Amino acid sequence: MATIRSNQKTRGAKEQRSTRGGRMGQISYMRDPDVDHSFEVGDTVEVYCDHEKDKDRTRGWLKGIIVQIDNKMIAVQFRSDVFLTDGWMVPDRILWYPVNSKHIRAMPGKKPKKIETEYPDY
């Protein structure tokens, strides 16, 4: 009889665990970024950064091209020298920005042209 009771106790404990735990609700710990624009590689954008203009260092909007995008960051490459906020020049002229940064915006009135190519049906 002792063995039956121990089996009943373990079975009851397993059943209790499965019913007590149940299915947990989905909890989101991070909010989705508020994306004003959906950028793609090759898009021309304006970025607010420190850059060189007429051999003077200035802070303002500078035109660049998106060269890489991942889930959280956008890489923008420029044709002129750009600087970090502490004064160092960036040798490859690429700055990284968060996807939802207020310092990056689409070029006003410029959208990349989509090239449509016809593929033959085989």
C-alpha atoms as a PDB file:
ATOM      1  CA  MET A   1       0.000   0.000   0.000  1.00  0.00           C
ATOM      2  CA  ALA A   2       2.889   2.326   0.696  1.00  0.00           C
ATOM      3  CA  THR A   3       4.032   2.096  -2.918  1.00  0.00           C
ATOM      4  CA  ILE A   4       0.578   2.991  -4.205  1.00  0.00           C
ATOM      5  CA  ARG A   5       0.424   6.054  -1.985  1.00  0.00           C
ATOM      6  CA  SER A   6       3.860   7.269  -3.115  1.00  0.00           C
ATOM      7  CA  ASN A   7       2.808   6.859  -6.752  1.00  0.00           C
ATOM      8  CA  GLN A   8      -0.398   8.738  -6.048  1.00  0.00           C
ATOM      9  CA  LYS A   9       1.561  11.526  -4.377  1.00  0.00           C
ATOM     10  CA  THR A  10       3.951  11.937  -7.318  1.00  0.00           C
ATOM     11  CA  ARG A  11       1.148  11.716  -9.873  1.00  0.00           C
ATOM     12  CA  GLY A  12      -0.817  14.319  -7.933  1.00  0.00           C
ATOM     13  CA  ALA A  13       2.217  16.589  -7.759  1.00  0.00           C
ATOM     14  CA  LYS A  14       2.782  16.309 -11.530  1.00  0.00           C
ATOM     15  CA  GLU A  15      -0.862  17.062 -12.245  1.00  0.00           C
ATOM     16  CA  GLN A  16      -0.780  19.955  -9.815  1.00  0.00           C
ATOM     17  CA  ARG A  17       2.307  21.442 -11.467  1.00  0.00           C
ATOM     18  CA  SER A  18       0.821  21.225 -14.944  1.00  0.00           C
ATOM     19  CA  THR A  19      -2.461  22.822 -13.909  1.00  0.00           C
ATOM     20  CA  ARG A  20      -0.872  25.443 -11.697  1.00  0.00           C
ATOM     21  CA  GLY A  21       1.663  26.558 -14.335  1.00  0.00           C
ATOM     22  CA  GLY A  22      -0.839  26.524 -17.154  1.00  0.00           C
ATOM     23  CA  ARG A  23      -0.098  28.592 -20.213  1.00  0.00           C
ATOM     24  CA  MET A  24       1.619  31.867 -19.474  1.00  0.00           C
ATOM     25  CA  GLY A  25       0.538  34.940 -21.375  1.00  0.00           C
ATOM     26  CA  GLN A  26       2.861  36.544 -23.874  1.00  0.00           C
ATOM     27  CA  ILE A  27       4.788  39.383 -22.287  1.00  0.00           C
ATOM     28  CA  SER A  28       6.621  41.859 -24.436  1.00  0.00           C
ATOM     29  CA  TYR A  29       9.566  43.460 -22.678  1.00  0.00           C
ATOM     30  CA  MET A  30      10.575  45.740 -25.542  1.00  0.00           C
ATOM     31  CA  ARG A  31       8.304  47.992 -27.514  1.00  0.00           C
ATOM     32  CA  ASP A  32       8.478  48.108 -31.279  1.00  0.00           C
ATOM     33  CA  PRO A  33      10.424  51.098 -32.560  1.00  0.00           C
ATOM     34  CA  ASP A  34       8.316  53.848 -34.054  1.00  0.00           C
ATOM     35  CA  VAL A  35       9.644  53.854 -37.588  1.00  0.00           C
ATOM     36  CA  ASP A  36       8.694  56.899 -39.648  1.00  0.00           C
ATOM     37  CA  HIS A  37      10.340  55.554 -42.773  1.00  0.00           C
ATOM     38  CA  SER A  38      11.240  52.103 -43.919  1.00  0.00           C
ATOM     39  CA  PHE A  39      14.745  52.489 -45.268  1.00  0.00           C
ATOM     40  CA  GLU A  40      16.465  50.140 -47.690  1.00  0.00           C
ATOM     41  CA  VAL A  41      20.092  49.691 -48.679  1.00  0.00           C
ATOM     42  CA  GLY A  42      20.947  52.210 -51.390  1.00  0.00           C
ATOM     43  CA  ASP A  43      18.479  54.881 -50.231  1.00  0.00           C
ATOM     44  CA  THR A  44      19.755  58.445 -50.030  1.00  0.00           C
ATOM     45  CA  VAL A  45      19.152  60.014 -46.629  1.00  0.00           C
ATOM     46  CA  GLU A  46      20.098  63.119 -44.685  1.00  0.00           C
ATOM     47  CA  VAL A  47      21.852  62.710 -41.345  1.00  0.00           C
ATOM     48  CA  TYR A  48      22.468  65.291 -38.623  1.00  0.00           C
ATOM     49  CA  CYS A  49      26.160  64.939 -37.783  1.00  0.00           C
ATOM     50  CA  ASP A  50      29.518  66.685 -37.463  1.00  0.00           C
ATOM     51  CA  HIS A  51      31.110  66.946 -40.891  1.00  0.00           C
ATOM     52  CA  GLU A  52      33.565  68.959 -42.950  1.00  0.00           C
ATOM     53  CA  LYS A  53      32.210  71.712 -45.187  1.00  0.00           C
ATOM     54  CA  ASP A  54      34.534  74.136 -47.013  1.00  0.00           C
ATOM     55  CA  LYS A  55      37.460  72.933 -44.855  1.00  0.00           C
ATOM     56  CA  ASP A  56      35.559  73.852 -41.677  1.00  0.00           C
ATOM     57  CA  ARG A  57      34.030  71.468 -39.204  1.00  0.00           C
ATOM     58  CA  THR A  58      30.305  72.045 -38.844  1.00  0.00           C
ATOM     59  CA  ARG A  59      27.257  70.310 -37.403  1.00  0.00           C
ATOM     60  CA  GLY A  60      24.261  69.971 -39.673  1.00  0.00           C
ATOM     61  CA  TRP A  61      22.379  67.800 -42.137  1.00  0.00           C
ATOM     62  CA  LEU A  62      24.569  65.883 -44.572  1.00  0.00           C
ATOM     63  CA  LYS A  63      23.549  63.667 -47.480  1.00  0.00           C
ATOM     64  CA  GLY A  64      24.596  60.021 -47.285  1.00  0.00           C
ATOM     65  CA  ILE A  65      23.746  56.583 -48.629  1.00  0.00           C
ATOM     66  CA  ILE A  66      22.515  53.658 -46.563  1.00  0.00           C
ATOM     67  CA  VAL A  67      25.003  50.813 -46.902  1.00  0.00           C
ATOM     68  CA  GLN A  68      23.770  48.355 -44.275  1.00  0.00           C
ATOM     69  CA  ILE A  69      20.643  47.738 -42.186  1.00  0.00           C
ATOM     70  CA  ASP A  70      20.001  45.288 -39.383  1.00  0.00           C
ATOM     71  CA  ASN A  71      17.218  44.963 -36.811  1.00  0.00           C
ATOM     72  CA  LYS A  72      18.349  47.884 -34.672  1.00  0.00           C
ATOM     73  CA  MET A  73      20.928  49.940 -36.571  1.00  0.00           C
ATOM     74  CA  ILE A  74      21.414  51.692 -39.919  1.00  0.00           C
ATOM     75  CA  ALA A  75      24.852  52.366 -41.428  1.00  0.00           C
ATOM     76  CA  VAL A  76      25.194  55.499 -43.555  1.00  0.00           C
ATOM     77  CA  GLN A  77      28.252  56.262 -45.697  1.00  0.00           C
ATOM     78  CA  PHE A  78      29.219  59.778 -46.753  1.00  0.00           C
ATOM     79  CA  ARG A  79      31.394  61.297 -49.463  1.00  0.00           C
ATOM     80  CA  SER A  80      32.941  63.913 -47.176  1.00  0.00           C
ATOM     81  CA  ASP A  81      34.749  63.544 -43.857  1.00  0.00           C
ATOM     82  CA  VAL A  82      32.544  62.976 -40.809  1.00  0.00           C
ATOM     83  CA  PHE A  83      33.476  63.223 -37.146  1.00  0.00           C
ATOM     84  CA  LEU A  84      32.400  61.648 -33.888  1.00  0.00           C
ATOM     85  CA  THR A  85      31.054  63.995 -31.235  1.00  0.00           C
ATOM     86  CA  ASP A  86      34.351  63.822 -29.321  1.00  0.00           C
ATOM     87  CA  GLY A  87      36.286  65.096 -32.354  1.00  0.00           C
ATOM     88  CA  TRP A  88      37.718  61.964 -33.939  1.00  0.00           C
ATOM     89  CA  MET A  89      37.445  61.665 -37.712  1.00  0.00           C
ATOM     90  CA  VAL A  90      35.800  58.460 -38.948  1.00  0.00           C
ATOM     91  CA  PRO A  91      38.240  56.902 -41.455  1.00  0.00           C
ATOM     92  CA  ASP A  92      35.713  54.870 -43.473  1.00  0.00           C
ATOM     93  CA  ARG A  93      33.124  57.706 -43.413  1.00  0.00           C
ATOM     94  CA  ILE A  94      30.406  55.381 -42.088  1.00  0.00           C
ATOM     95  CA  LEU A  95      28.225  56.323 -39.124  1.00  0.00           C
ATOM     96  CA  TRP A  96      25.781  53.988 -37.402  1.00  0.00           C
ATOM     97  CA  TYR A  97      22.396  55.195 -36.173  1.00  0.00           C
ATOM     98  CA  PRO A  98      19.505  53.470 -34.402  1.00  0.00           C
ATOM     99  CA  VAL A  99      16.573  52.664 -36.689  1.00  0.00           C
ATOM    100  CA  ASN A 100      14.302  55.064 -34.802  1.00  0.00           C
ATOM    101  CA  SER A 101      16.849  57.917 -34.549  1.00  0.00           C
ATOM    102  CA  LYS A 102      15.688  61.504 -34.943  1.00  0.00           C
ATOM    103  CA  HIS A 103      19.042  62.312 -36.579  1.00  0.00           C
ATOM    104  CA  ILE A 104      18.279  60.460 -39.790  1.00  0.00           C
ATOM    105  CA  ARG A 105      15.603  61.352 -42.333  1.00  0.00           C
ATOM    106  CA  ALA A 106      14.669  60.524 -45.885  1.00  0.00           C
ATOM    107  CA  MET A 107      15.730  62.994 -48.551  1.00  0.00           C
ATOM    108  CA  PRO A 108      12.806  65.326 -49.184  1.00  0.00           C
ATOM    109  CA  GLY A 109      11.186  64.677 -52.548  1.00  0.00           C
ATOM    110  CA  LYS A 110      13.655  62.001 -53.580  1.00  0.00           C
ATOM    111  CA  LYS A 111      12.610  58.391 -53.827  1.00  0.00           C
ATOM    112  CA  PRO A 112      14.826  55.762 -55.394  1.00  0.00           C
ATOM    113  CA  LYS A 113      13.611  54.724 -58.788  1.00  0.00           C
ATOM    114  CA  LYS A 114      12.548  51.130 -58.987  1.00  0.00           C
ATOM    115  CA  ILE A 115      13.936  49.452 -62.053  1.00  0.00           C
ATOM    116  CA  GLU A 116      11.496  46.985 -63.471  1.00  0.00           C
ATOM    117  CA  THR A 117      13.001  44.262 -65.537  1.00  0.00           C
ATOM    118  CA  GLU A 118      10.986  41.758 -67.418  1.00  0.00           C
ATOM    119  CA  TYR A 119      12.018  38.185 -66.988  1.00  0.00           C
ATOM    120  CA  PRO A 120      11.111  35.727 -69.707  1.00  0.00           C
ATOM    121  CA  ASP A 121       8.787  32.890 -68.785  1.00  0.00           C
ATOM    122  CA  TYR A 122      10.414  29.500 -69.212  1.00  0.00           C
END
